Amino acid sequence: MNNKARSGGLFYHLFKQIGQTDSFSTHFIKGRRMKQQGFTITELMIVVAILGILAAIALPLFGNYTAKAQATEGHEILAGLKSPLVEAISTEGINACDATKPWFTSSVHTGNFVNDVALKKTETQCLLTVTFKSSGVNDKITNKKINIRYTVGTGVWECGTNVDKELRTASCQGDLLSL
């Protein structure tokens, strides 16, 4: 026995009987109980490593989430233009597919992330294209486009985009459309 262990007195002998002398001698010096204060450097390093791993996993997922949420604005603007366009075409024909017509000028066609909406037409189709802003948006959708094409004779809507595939909505999986 060393002198530190002996100085514990009665408690040392009690712990000696149950085989805890080493633990006892580290927590009792000269009959006083020592309190553990704070964490060891190893414990802190483990916590930092775990937080680093969680951050490495979560940050890319969060980036995709914000990009997808911002891209949704483009889909919502286009969805809001569908009914007014069909109504205008039913009364005026394909010539209603024009950016100067009242159905278009009175509709919302910009947002927090969408820069503008452009219209193009052929004899039977109308193409609406939203373009995202070049700044103030997630890098994954900067200057990207989403478009929808309406075919007058059939009433069919098609959707296309050049947004990354993992950010596309279920209703718009195709590539950019053209006329």
N, C-alpha and C. Protein backbone atom coordinates (compact mmCIF):
# COMPACT_ATOMS: atom_id res chain seq x y z
N MET A 1 0.84 -1.18 0.00
CA MET A 1 0.00 0.00 0.00
C MET A 1 0.88 1.23 0.00
N ASN A 2 0.42 2.25 -0.75
CA ASN A 2 1.18 3.49 -0.73
C ASN A 2 0.59 4.45 0.30
N ASN A 3 1.29 5.53 0.54
CA ASN A 3 0.87 6.47 1.59
C ASN A 3 -0.43 7.17 1.25
N LYS A 4 -0.66 7.45 -0.03
CA LYS A 4 -1.90 8.12 -0.42
C LYS A 4 -3.09 7.23 -0.09
N ALA A 5 -2.96 5.97 -0.38
CA ALA A 5 -4.06 5.04 -0.12
C ALA A 5 -4.32 4.90 1.37
N ARG A 6 -3.28 4.89 2.18
CA ARG A 6 -3.45 4.74 3.63
C ARG A 6 -4.11 5.95 4.26
N SER A 7 -3.91 7.11 3.67
CA SER A 7 -4.41 8.32 4.29
C SER A 7 -5.93 8.40 4.24
N GLY A 8 -6.58 7.52 3.51
CA GLY A 8 -8.02 7.53 3.43
C GLY A 8 -8.68 7.07 4.70
N GLY A 9 -8.00 6.41 5.55
CA GLY A 9 -8.54 5.98 6.83
C GLY A 9 -9.58 4.90 6.69
N LEU A 10 -10.67 5.05 7.42
CA LEU A 10 -11.74 4.07 7.49
C LEU A 10 -12.31 3.75 6.11
N PHE A 11 -12.51 4.78 5.29
CA PHE A 11 -13.10 4.54 3.97
C PHE A 11 -12.18 3.70 3.10
N TYR A 12 -10.88 3.88 3.27
CA TYR A 12 -9.94 3.09 2.50
C TYR A 12 -10.12 1.62 2.82
N HIS A 13 -10.25 1.30 4.08
CA HIS A 13 -10.40 -0.10 4.47
C HIS A 13 -11.72 -0.68 3.97
N LEU A 14 -12.77 0.11 3.94
CA LEU A 14 -14.05 -0.37 3.41
C LEU A 14 -13.93 -0.67 1.92
N PHE A 15 -13.29 0.24 1.18
CA PHE A 15 -13.14 0.02 -0.25
C PHE A 15 -12.16 -1.11 -0.55
N LYS A 16 -11.19 -1.30 0.33
CA LYS A 16 -10.21 -2.37 0.14
C LYS A 16 -10.91 -3.72 0.20
N GLN A 17 -11.90 -3.84 1.05
CA GLN A 17 -12.61 -5.11 1.19
C GLN A 17 -13.42 -5.43 -0.07
N ILE A 18 -13.90 -4.44 -0.77
CA ILE A 18 -14.67 -4.73 -1.99
C ILE A 18 -13.82 -4.57 -3.25
N GLY A 19 -12.54 -4.36 -3.10
CA GLY A 19 -11.61 -4.33 -4.23
C GLY A 19 -11.57 -3.02 -4.99
N GLN A 20 -11.89 -1.93 -4.37
CA GLN A 20 -11.93 -0.63 -5.04
C GLN A 20 -10.87 0.32 -4.52
N THR A 21 -9.73 -0.17 -4.14
CA THR A 21 -8.72 0.71 -3.54
C THR A 21 -8.16 1.71 -4.53
N ASP A 22 -7.94 1.29 -5.78
CA ASP A 22 -7.36 2.22 -6.76
C ASP A 22 -8.31 3.37 -7.04
N SER A 23 -9.57 3.05 -7.24
CA SER A 23 -10.56 4.09 -7.48
C SER A 23 -10.68 5.00 -6.27
N PHE A 24 -10.66 4.40 -5.10
CA PHE A 24 -10.80 5.15 -3.87
C PHE A 24 -9.63 6.11 -3.69
N SER A 25 -8.44 5.63 -3.98
CA SER A 25 -7.27 6.46 -3.73
C SER A 25 -7.19 7.64 -4.70
N THR A 26 -7.81 7.53 -5.86
CA THR A 26 -7.76 8.65 -6.79
C THR A 26 -8.80 9.71 -6.45
N HIS A 27 -9.85 9.33 -5.72
CA HIS A 27 -10.90 10.29 -5.41
C HIS A 27 -10.79 10.84 -3.99
N PHE A 28 -10.00 10.20 -3.13
CA PHE A 28 -9.83 10.67 -1.76
C PHE A 28 -8.36 10.92 -1.51
N ILE A 29 -8.01 12.13 -1.24
CA ILE A 29 -6.64 12.45 -0.87
C ILE A 29 -6.68 13.11 0.49
N LYS A 30 -5.94 12.55 1.40
CA LYS A 30 -5.86 13.03 2.77
C LYS A 30 -7.25 13.19 3.39
N GLY A 31 -8.09 12.21 3.15
CA GLY A 31 -9.40 12.19 3.78
C GLY A 31 -10.42 13.12 3.16
N ARG A 32 -10.10 13.77 2.05
CA ARG A 32 -11.06 14.67 1.40
C ARG A 32 -11.50 14.08 0.07
N ARG A 33 -12.72 14.29 -0.23
CA ARG A 33 -13.23 13.81 -1.52
C ARG A 33 -12.96 14.90 -2.57
N MET A 34 -12.40 14.49 -3.70
CA MET A 34 -12.13 15.43 -4.79
C MET A 34 -13.28 15.34 -5.80
N LYS A 35 -13.77 16.48 -6.23
CA LYS A 35 -14.84 16.52 -7.20
C LYS A 35 -14.25 16.62 -8.60
N GLN A 36 -14.87 15.89 -9.53
CA GLN A 36 -14.46 16.02 -10.92
C GLN A 36 -15.09 17.29 -11.46
N GLN A 37 -14.28 18.14 -12.06
CA GLN A 37 -14.79 19.40 -12.59
C GLN A 37 -14.56 19.45 -14.09
N GLY A 38 -15.66 19.51 -14.87
CA GLY A 38 -15.55 19.60 -16.32
C GLY A 38 -15.36 18.26 -16.99
N PHE A 39 -15.05 18.33 -18.27
CA PHE A 39 -14.87 17.13 -19.08
C PHE A 39 -13.40 16.97 -19.42
N THR A 40 -13.00 15.75 -19.70
CA THR A 40 -11.63 15.52 -20.12
C THR A 40 -11.49 15.94 -21.57
N ILE A 41 -10.28 16.15 -22.01
CA ILE A 41 -10.04 16.56 -23.39
C ILE A 41 -10.50 15.48 -24.36
N THR A 42 -10.38 14.23 -23.98
CA THR A 42 -10.82 13.12 -24.83
C THR A 42 -12.33 13.17 -25.04
N GLU A 43 -13.06 13.41 -23.97
CA GLU A 43 -14.52 13.49 -24.08
C GLU A 43 -14.92 14.65 -25.00
N LEU A 44 -14.25 15.77 -24.86
CA LEU A 44 -14.55 16.92 -25.71
C LEU A 44 -14.22 16.65 -27.17
N MET A 45 -13.11 15.96 -27.42
CA MET A 45 -12.73 15.64 -28.79
C MET A 45 -13.73 14.70 -29.44
N ILE A 46 -14.26 13.75 -28.67
CA ILE A 46 -15.26 12.83 -29.20
C ILE A 46 -16.53 13.59 -29.57
N VAL A 47 -16.96 14.49 -28.72
CA VAL A 47 -18.15 15.29 -29.00
C VAL A 47 -17.95 16.13 -30.26
N VAL A 48 -16.79 16.76 -30.40
CA VAL A 48 -16.50 17.57 -31.58
C VAL A 48 -16.49 16.70 -32.84
N ALA A 49 -15.93 15.51 -32.76
CA ALA A 49 -15.91 14.61 -33.91
C ALA A 49 -17.32 14.20 -34.31
N ILE A 50 -18.17 13.90 -33.35
CA ILE A 50 -19.55 13.51 -33.65
C ILE A 50 -20.30 14.67 -34.29
N LEU A 51 -20.12 15.87 -33.75
CA LEU A 51 -20.77 17.05 -34.33
C LEU A 51 -20.28 17.30 -35.76
N GLY A 52 -19.01 17.09 -36.00
CA GLY A 52 -18.46 17.27 -37.35
C GLY A 52 -19.06 16.29 -38.34
N ILE A 53 -19.22 15.05 -37.92
CA ILE A 53 -19.83 14.03 -38.80
C ILE A 53 -21.28 14.40 -39.10
N LEU A 54 -22.03 14.79 -38.08
CA LEU A 54 -23.43 15.17 -38.29
C LEU A 54 -23.54 16.38 -39.21
N ALA A 55 -22.66 17.35 -39.05
CA ALA A 55 -22.69 18.54 -39.91
C ALA A 55 -22.34 18.18 -41.35
N ALA A 56 -21.39 17.27 -41.53
CA ALA A 56 -21.00 16.86 -42.88
C ALA A 56 -22.15 16.17 -43.60
N ILE A 57 -23.01 15.51 -42.87
CA ILE A 57 -24.17 14.84 -43.47
C ILE A 57 -25.31 15.83 -43.67
N ALA A 58 -25.56 16.68 -42.70
CA ALA A 58 -26.74 17.54 -42.71
C ALA A 58 -26.62 18.72 -43.67
N LEU A 59 -25.46 19.33 -43.80
CA LEU A 59 -25.34 20.53 -44.62
C LEU A 59 -25.67 20.30 -46.10
N PRO A 60 -25.18 19.26 -46.75
CA PRO A 60 -25.58 19.04 -48.14
C PRO A 60 -27.08 18.77 -48.28
N LEU A 61 -27.65 18.05 -47.33
CA LEU A 61 -29.09 17.79 -47.38
C LEU A 61 -29.87 19.09 -47.24
N PHE A 62 -29.42 19.97 -46.38
CA PHE A 62 -30.09 21.25 -46.20
C PHE A 62 -29.98 22.10 -47.46
N GLY A 63 -28.83 22.05 -48.13
CA GLY A 63 -28.66 22.79 -49.38
C GLY A 63 -29.63 22.33 -50.44
N ASN A 64 -29.83 21.02 -50.58
CA ASN A 64 -30.80 20.49 -51.54
C ASN A 64 -32.21 20.90 -51.15
N TYR A 65 -32.49 20.90 -49.86
CA TYR A 65 -33.82 21.26 -49.39
C TYR A 65 -34.14 22.71 -49.74
N THR A 66 -33.22 23.62 -49.52
CA THR A 66 -33.49 25.03 -49.83
C THR A 66 -33.60 25.25 -51.33
N ALA A 67 -32.75 24.58 -52.12
CA ALA A 67 -32.83 24.73 -53.57
C ALA A 67 -34.17 24.22 -54.09
N LYS A 68 -34.62 23.09 -53.57
CA LYS A 68 -35.90 22.53 -54.02
C LYS A 68 -37.06 23.44 -53.61
N ALA A 69 -36.98 24.00 -52.42
CA ALA A 69 -38.03 24.92 -51.97
C ALA A 69 -38.07 26.17 -52.84
N GLN A 70 -36.91 26.68 -53.21
CA GLN A 70 -36.86 27.86 -54.07
C GLN A 70 -37.35 27.54 -55.48
N ALA A 71 -37.01 26.36 -55.99
CA ALA A 71 -37.46 25.96 -57.32
C ALA A 71 -38.98 25.80 -57.37
N THR A 72 -39.58 25.47 -56.25
CA THR A 72 -41.03 25.32 -56.19
C THR A 72 -41.74 26.62 -56.55
N GLU A 73 -41.12 27.75 -56.24
CA GLU A 73 -41.73 29.03 -56.59
C GLU A 73 -41.96 29.13 -58.09
N GLY A 74 -41.00 28.67 -58.88
CA GLY A 74 -41.16 28.69 -60.33
C GLY A 74 -42.33 27.85 -60.79
N HIS A 75 -42.48 26.67 -60.20
CA HIS A 75 -43.61 25.80 -60.55
C HIS A 75 -44.94 26.45 -60.17
N GLU A 76 -44.96 27.10 -59.02
CA GLU A 76 -46.20 27.75 -58.56
C GLU A 76 -46.59 28.91 -59.47
N ILE A 77 -45.62 29.68 -59.92
CA ILE A 77 -45.93 30.79 -60.83
C ILE A 77 -46.49 30.25 -62.14
N LEU A 78 -45.86 29.20 -62.67
CA LEU A 78 -46.36 28.61 -63.92
C LEU A 78 -47.74 28.00 -63.73
N ALA A 79 -47.96 27.34 -62.61
CA ALA A 79 -49.28 26.74 -62.35
C ALA A 79 -50.36 27.81 -62.28
N GLY A 80 -50.02 28.97 -61.73
CA GLY A 80 -50.97 30.07 -61.65
C GLY A 80 -51.30 30.69 -63.00
N LEU A 81 -50.46 30.47 -63.99
CA LEU A 81 -50.69 31.02 -65.33
C LEU A 81 -51.46 30.07 -66.24
N LYS A 82 -51.60 28.81 -65.85
CA LYS A 82 -52.26 27.83 -66.72
C LYS A 82 -53.71 28.18 -67.02
N SER A 83 -54.50 28.37 -65.99
CA SER A 83 -55.94 28.65 -66.19
C SER A 83 -56.18 29.94 -66.97
N PRO A 84 -55.52 31.05 -66.61
CA PRO A 84 -55.74 32.27 -67.41
C PRO A 84 -55.35 32.10 -68.88
N LEU A 85 -54.28 31.33 -69.14
CA LEU A 85 -53.85 31.11 -70.52
C LEU A 85 -54.90 30.31 -71.29
N VAL A 86 -55.37 29.22 -70.70
CA VAL A 86 -56.36 28.38 -71.38
C VAL A 86 -57.64 29.17 -71.63
N GLU A 87 -58.05 29.95 -70.66
CA GLU A 87 -59.26 30.78 -70.83
C GLU A 87 -59.07 31.79 -71.96
N ALA A 88 -57.90 32.44 -71.99
CA ALA A 88 -57.63 33.43 -73.04
C ALA A 88 -57.56 32.77 -74.42
N ILE A 89 -56.92 31.61 -74.50
CA ILE A 89 -56.81 30.91 -75.78
C ILE A 89 -58.19 30.44 -76.25
N SER A 90 -59.04 30.05 -75.32
CA SER A 90 -60.38 29.58 -75.73
C SER A 90 -61.22 30.70 -76.34
N THR A 91 -60.94 31.94 -75.98
CA THR A 91 -61.70 33.06 -76.57
C THR A 91 -60.96 33.74 -77.72
N GLU A 92 -59.65 33.83 -77.66
CA GLU A 92 -58.89 34.58 -78.67
C GLU A 92 -58.06 33.70 -79.60
N GLY A 93 -57.93 32.44 -79.29
CA GLY A 93 -57.07 31.57 -80.09
C GLY A 93 -55.62 31.68 -79.63
N ILE A 94 -54.71 31.14 -80.42
CA ILE A 94 -53.30 31.09 -80.05
C ILE A 94 -52.68 32.48 -79.93
N ASN A 95 -53.30 33.48 -80.53
CA ASN A 95 -52.77 34.85 -80.42
C ASN A 95 -52.81 35.37 -78.99
N ALA A 96 -53.56 34.71 -78.12
CA ALA A 96 -53.59 35.10 -76.70
C ALA A 96 -52.27 34.80 -76.00
N CYS A 97 -51.44 33.98 -76.61
CA CYS A 97 -50.12 33.66 -76.04
C CYS A 97 -49.17 34.81 -76.37
N ASP A 98 -49.36 35.90 -75.63
CA ASP A 98 -48.61 37.13 -75.88
C ASP A 98 -48.40 37.85 -74.54
N ALA A 99 -47.21 38.34 -74.32
CA ALA A 99 -46.87 38.98 -73.04
C ALA A 99 -47.57 40.33 -72.85
N THR A 100 -48.18 40.86 -73.89
CA THR A 100 -48.87 42.15 -73.76
C THR A 100 -50.36 41.99 -73.48
N LYS A 101 -50.86 40.77 -73.50
CA LYS A 101 -52.29 40.54 -73.28
C LYS A 101 -52.64 40.71 -71.80
N PRO A 102 -53.86 41.17 -71.51
CA PRO A 102 -54.26 41.42 -70.12
C PRO A 102 -54.18 40.20 -69.19
N TRP A 103 -54.48 39.01 -69.70
CA TRP A 103 -54.41 37.82 -68.83
C TRP A 103 -53.00 37.63 -68.27
N PHE A 104 -51.99 38.03 -69.06
CA PHE A 104 -50.60 37.86 -68.63
C PHE A 104 -50.12 39.04 -67.79
N THR A 105 -50.41 40.24 -68.21
CA THR A 105 -49.90 41.42 -67.50
C THR A 105 -50.53 41.58 -66.12
N SER A 106 -51.74 41.04 -65.94
CA SER A 106 -52.38 41.13 -64.62
C SER A 106 -51.99 39.99 -63.69
N SER A 107 -51.26 39.02 -64.19
CA SER A 107 -50.87 37.85 -63.39
C SER A 107 -49.50 38.08 -62.75
N VAL A 108 -49.25 37.35 -61.68
CA VAL A 108 -47.94 37.40 -61.02
C VAL A 108 -46.95 36.59 -61.86
N HIS A 109 -45.86 37.21 -62.23
CA HIS A 109 -44.86 36.47 -62.99
C HIS A 109 -43.43 36.78 -62.55
N THR A 110 -43.28 37.24 -61.33
CA THR A 110 -41.97 37.31 -60.68
C THR A 110 -42.17 36.94 -59.22
N GLY A 111 -41.08 36.68 -58.54
CA GLY A 111 -41.16 36.31 -57.13
C GLY A 111 -39.85 36.59 -56.44
N ASN A 112 -39.67 35.97 -55.29
CA ASN A 112 -38.42 36.15 -54.55
C ASN A 112 -37.24 35.52 -55.26
N PHE A 113 -37.50 34.45 -56.03
CA PHE A 113 -36.42 33.71 -56.66
C PHE A 113 -36.53 33.69 -58.19
N VAL A 114 -37.72 33.98 -58.71
CA VAL A 114 -37.95 34.00 -60.15
C VAL A 114 -37.71 35.40 -60.68
N ASN A 115 -36.90 35.48 -61.73
CA ASN A 115 -36.58 36.77 -62.34
C ASN A 115 -37.67 37.22 -63.31
N ASP A 116 -38.08 36.33 -64.21
CA ASP A 116 -39.12 36.70 -65.17
C ASP A 116 -39.79 35.47 -65.78
N VAL A 117 -40.88 35.74 -66.51
CA VAL A 117 -41.59 34.71 -67.26
C VAL A 117 -41.63 35.18 -68.71
N ALA A 118 -41.24 34.31 -69.61
CA ALA A 118 -41.25 34.63 -71.04
C ALA A 118 -42.27 33.75 -71.75
N LEU A 119 -42.83 34.27 -72.83
CA LEU A 119 -43.80 33.54 -73.64
C LEU A 119 -43.29 33.42 -75.07
N LYS A 120 -43.54 32.26 -75.68
CA LYS A 120 -43.27 32.03 -77.10
C LYS A 120 -44.45 31.25 -77.64
N LYS A 121 -44.70 31.38 -78.94
CA LYS A 121 -45.81 30.63 -79.52
C LYS A 121 -45.50 30.18 -80.93
N THR A 122 -46.19 29.12 -81.30
CA THR A 122 -46.24 28.67 -82.69
C THR A 122 -47.72 28.70 -83.08
N GLU A 123 -48.06 28.06 -84.16
CA GLU A 123 -49.46 28.04 -84.60
C GLU A 123 -50.35 27.22 -83.68
N THR A 124 -49.76 26.26 -82.97
CA THR A 124 -50.59 25.38 -82.12
C THR A 124 -50.10 25.25 -80.69
N GLN A 125 -48.97 25.87 -80.36
CA GLN A 125 -48.41 25.70 -79.02
C GLN A 125 -48.01 27.04 -78.41
N CYS A 126 -48.08 27.07 -77.07
CA CYS A 126 -47.64 28.23 -76.30
C CYS A 126 -46.65 27.73 -75.25
N LEU A 127 -45.49 28.36 -75.17
CA LEU A 127 -44.44 27.95 -74.24
C LEU A 127 -44.21 29.07 -73.22
N LEU A 128 -44.37 28.74 -71.94
CA LEU A 128 -44.12 29.68 -70.85
C LEU A 128 -42.85 29.23 -70.15
N THR A 129 -41.91 30.15 -69.94
CA THR A 129 -40.62 29.81 -69.33
C THR A 129 -40.32 30.77 -68.18
N VAL A 130 -40.05 30.22 -67.00
CA VAL A 130 -39.58 31.04 -65.88
C VAL A 130 -38.07 30.90 -65.80
N THR A 131 -37.41 32.00 -65.50
CA THR A 131 -35.96 32.02 -65.32
C THR A 131 -35.68 32.49 -63.90
N PHE A 132 -34.84 31.74 -63.19
CA PHE A 132 -34.50 32.11 -61.82
C PHE A 132 -33.46 33.22 -61.81
N LYS A 133 -33.42 33.94 -60.73
CA LYS A 133 -32.50 35.07 -60.58
C LYS A 133 -31.05 34.61 -60.59
N SER A 134 -30.16 35.55 -60.86
CA SER A 134 -28.73 35.23 -60.89
C SER A 134 -28.06 35.42 -59.54
N SER A 135 -28.75 36.08 -58.60
CA SER A 135 -28.20 36.24 -57.25
C SER A 135 -29.35 36.18 -56.26
N GLY A 136 -29.02 35.84 -55.03
CA GLY A 136 -30.03 35.75 -53.99
C GLY A 136 -30.80 34.44 -54.00
N VAL A 137 -30.32 33.47 -54.78
CA VAL A 137 -30.94 32.15 -54.83
C VAL A 137 -29.86 31.10 -54.59
N ASN A 138 -30.29 29.89 -54.31
CA ASN A 138 -29.36 28.79 -54.14
C ASN A 138 -28.56 28.61 -55.43
N ASP A 139 -27.28 28.33 -55.31
CA ASP A 139 -26.41 28.17 -56.48
C ASP A 139 -26.90 27.11 -57.45
N LYS A 140 -27.63 26.13 -56.96
CA LYS A 140 -28.08 25.03 -57.81
C LYS A 140 -29.20 25.45 -58.77
N ILE A 141 -29.84 26.58 -58.52
CA ILE A 141 -30.90 27.03 -59.44
C ILE A 141 -30.61 28.40 -60.05
N THR A 142 -29.44 28.94 -59.82
CA THR A 142 -29.08 30.24 -60.39
C THR A 142 -29.18 30.19 -61.92
N ASN A 143 -29.97 31.11 -62.48
CA ASN A 143 -30.18 31.24 -63.94
C ASN A 143 -30.78 29.99 -64.59
N LYS A 144 -31.30 29.07 -63.83
CA LYS A 144 -31.94 27.87 -64.40
C LYS A 144 -33.35 28.23 -64.86
N LYS A 145 -33.95 27.34 -65.65
CA LYS A 145 -35.26 27.60 -66.23
C LYS A 145 -36.20 26.42 -66.03
N ILE A 146 -37.48 26.75 -65.95
CA ILE A 146 -38.54 25.74 -65.96
C ILE A 146 -39.53 26.23 -67.00
N ASN A 147 -39.99 25.33 -67.87
CA ASN A 147 -41.00 25.77 -68.81
C ASN A 147 -42.12 24.75 -68.96
N ILE A 148 -43.27 25.28 -69.37
CA ILE A 148 -44.43 24.44 -69.66
C ILE A 148 -44.92 24.78 -71.06
N ARG A 149 -45.39 23.76 -71.76
CA ARG A 149 -45.86 23.94 -73.13
C ARG A 149 -47.30 23.45 -73.23
N TYR A 150 -48.14 24.30 -73.77
CA TYR A 150 -49.55 23.97 -73.95
C TYR A 150 -49.82 23.78 -75.44
N THR A 151 -50.44 22.66 -75.77
CA THR A 151 -50.81 22.39 -77.15
C THR A 151 -52.31 22.65 -77.30
N VAL A 152 -52.67 23.56 -78.18
CA VAL A 152 -54.04 24.04 -78.29
C VAL A 152 -55.00 22.94 -78.71
N GLY A 153 -54.71 22.20 -79.74
CA GLY A 153 -55.65 21.20 -80.25
C GLY A 153 -55.96 20.08 -79.27
N THR A 154 -54.97 19.67 -78.49
CA THR A 154 -55.14 18.52 -77.59
C THR A 154 -55.38 18.92 -76.15
N GLY A 155 -55.00 20.13 -75.77
CA GLY A 155 -55.13 20.56 -74.38
C GLY A 155 -54.09 19.94 -73.46
N VAL A 156 -53.01 19.42 -74.04
CA VAL A 156 -51.97 18.73 -73.26
C VAL A 156 -50.94 19.74 -72.75
N TRP A 157 -50.57 19.59 -71.48
CA TRP A 157 -49.51 20.38 -70.86
C TRP A 157 -48.29 19.50 -70.70
N GLU A 158 -47.12 20.03 -71.03
CA GLU A 158 -45.85 19.33 -70.81
C GLU A 158 -44.95 20.26 -70.00
N CYS A 159 -44.06 19.67 -69.23
CA CYS A 159 -43.15 20.46 -68.39
C CYS A 159 -41.72 20.00 -68.61
N GLY A 160 -40.80 20.94 -68.61
CA GLY A 160 -39.38 20.63 -68.74
C GLY A 160 -38.55 21.63 -67.95
N THR A 161 -37.32 21.24 -67.65
CA THR A 161 -36.45 22.11 -66.86
C THR A 161 -34.99 21.72 -67.06
N ASN A 162 -34.10 22.65 -66.77
CA ASN A 162 -32.67 22.33 -66.74
C ASN A 162 -32.13 22.34 -65.31
N VAL A 163 -33.05 22.31 -64.33
CA VAL A 163 -32.68 22.18 -62.92
C VAL A 163 -32.14 20.77 -62.71
N ASP A 164 -31.18 20.60 -61.80
CA ASP A 164 -30.61 19.28 -61.51
C ASP A 164 -31.71 18.27 -61.22
N LYS A 165 -31.49 17.03 -61.63
CA LYS A 165 -32.51 15.98 -61.51
C LYS A 165 -32.99 15.75 -60.08
N GLU A 166 -32.10 15.87 -59.09
CA GLU A 166 -32.52 15.62 -57.70
C GLU A 166 -33.40 16.73 -57.14
N LEU A 167 -33.49 17.85 -57.84
CA LEU A 167 -34.31 18.97 -57.38
C LEU A 167 -35.64 19.07 -58.13
N ARG A 168 -35.85 18.23 -59.11
CA ARG A 168 -37.06 18.30 -59.93
C ARG A 168 -38.26 17.73 -59.18
N THR A 169 -39.41 18.31 -59.46
CA THR A 169 -40.64 17.79 -58.86
C THR A 169 -41.11 16.58 -59.66
N ALA A 170 -42.00 15.81 -59.08
CA ALA A 170 -42.50 14.61 -59.74
C ALA A 170 -43.24 14.96 -61.04
N SER A 171 -43.86 16.12 -61.08
CA SER A 171 -44.64 16.50 -62.26
C SER A 171 -43.80 17.13 -63.37
N CYS A 172 -42.51 17.33 -63.13
CA CYS A 172 -41.66 17.99 -64.13
C CYS A 172 -40.29 17.32 -64.16
N GLN A 173 -40.22 16.16 -64.77
CA GLN A 173 -38.97 15.40 -64.82
C GLN A 173 -38.22 15.55 -66.13
N GLY A 174 -38.87 16.12 -67.15
CA GLY A 174 -38.25 16.22 -68.47
C GLY A 174 -37.25 17.35 -68.57
N ASP A 175 -36.50 17.33 -69.68
CA ASP A 175 -35.55 18.40 -69.97
C ASP A 175 -36.30 19.59 -70.56
N LEU A 176 -35.60 20.73 -70.68
CA LEU A 176 -36.22 21.95 -71.20
C LEU A 176 -36.91 21.68 -72.53
N LEU A 177 -38.07 22.29 -72.68
CA LEU A 177 -38.87 22.13 -73.89
C LEU A 177 -38.57 23.26 -74.86
N SER A 178 -38.89 23.03 -76.11
CA SER A 178 -38.73 24.08 -77.12
C SER A 178 -39.94 24.04 -78.04
N LEU A 179 -40.01 25.01 -78.91
CA LEU A 179 -41.11 25.04 -79.90
C LEU A 179 -40.57 24.65 -81.25
